[in-house]
Amino acid sequence: MRPVHTALAVLVAAVWGVNFVVIEIGLGHFPPLLLSALRFLVAALPAVFLVGRPTVAWKWIVGVGLALGVAKFGLLFTGMAEGMPAGLSSLVLQIQAVFTALFATAALGERPGRVRLAGMAVAFAGIAVAAVDEGTSGPVLGFALVVAAAACWGVSNVLTRRAAPPDALNFMVWVCTVPVLPLFGLSLLLEGPGRDAAALRSLDWSGVGVLAYVAWVSTVCGFGAWGYLLRRYPASSVAPFSLLVPVFGMSSAAVVLGEPVSPLRWVAAVLLVGGVAVTSFGPVGVRAGGPVSAGGPPAGEAASPAPSGPLRTSGAGAPPSA
């Protein structure tokens, strides 16, 4: 990669890592489900009028929108609102690569090789270490919700691979239209209209800045830049930069929010990121009908194989944008 494009890839990883800190700040302004709904509303408008018509079937847009937008982000934001630290959330969410591989095995008939299985085991060991560390100082519910969010992300990755969108930004903008009404409805039902109204009435410039960052900087610009890189370079060259996201997430949370990073958490980070790397970039797996590449591009990336051909699971390349 050219130096300028390497710098862009690192910048996108930094934007996505810092995004967890911005979300933590945003949860001080909004209930979690309302914040998630507003994030997708601001990301979709007015971008949906600028990207053109959808380039894939609506069933894939709706499926990914529900799995990624409603389930994954709803659980993630709620988990963080329940006390899950921003830095640790950026790390634990990486287990999505392992869930993606497992779901691809079940849904697509892929059979991971021994190296990938070993990578999954190492990644789960990292989650176990992180759970032990968090269990001594934080809420178990928040941790469990973030792990569940990673599992939902795995579902959306498999759906995205089946959709094979040719334009990452177009696909992501249209996906952003799907979760808006369901999340607003869930917020009214679970968080209450009074709480939502109070949050909107007290909206200040800090809250506006949070929405602008999570919607435009992280989602629209982040996915746009990532898709640009993936159109110029192979996914295997771009995807490893996503492993920098928890590094930026944990370090920015420590600097901005004062979150402590214990030695046990660093051990968890090494195990989890290392396991995800092996899972995502290990040797080719095999399924009925032909080989399947171990690594894959991000959720929302323009995928080269057609849905009827061999599929690559989305691993470390799946953008950990929160």
Foldseek 3Di string as FASTA:
>chain_A
DPPVLVVLLLVLLLLLLCLLVLLLVLVVQAPQLLLLLLLLVVLLPPVLVVPDDFQFDVVLLQLLLCLQRVQLSSLLSNLVNQPDFSLVLLQLLQLLQVLLVVVCCVPVVWDDDPLLVVLNVLQVVLLVLVLVVCVVPHDPSSSVSSNSSSNSVSVSQVSLLLRLGQFLLNSLSSSSVNCNVVSVVVCCVPVNPVRRVVSVVPDDPSNVVSSCSLNPVNRNVSRNSLQVVVVVDPQVVSLVSLLCNSVSNNVSCCVPVVDDQDPSNVSSSCSNSSSLCSQAQPCWIDGPPGIEGRHDAARSHNHDDHSVHHTYGHTSNHHSRD
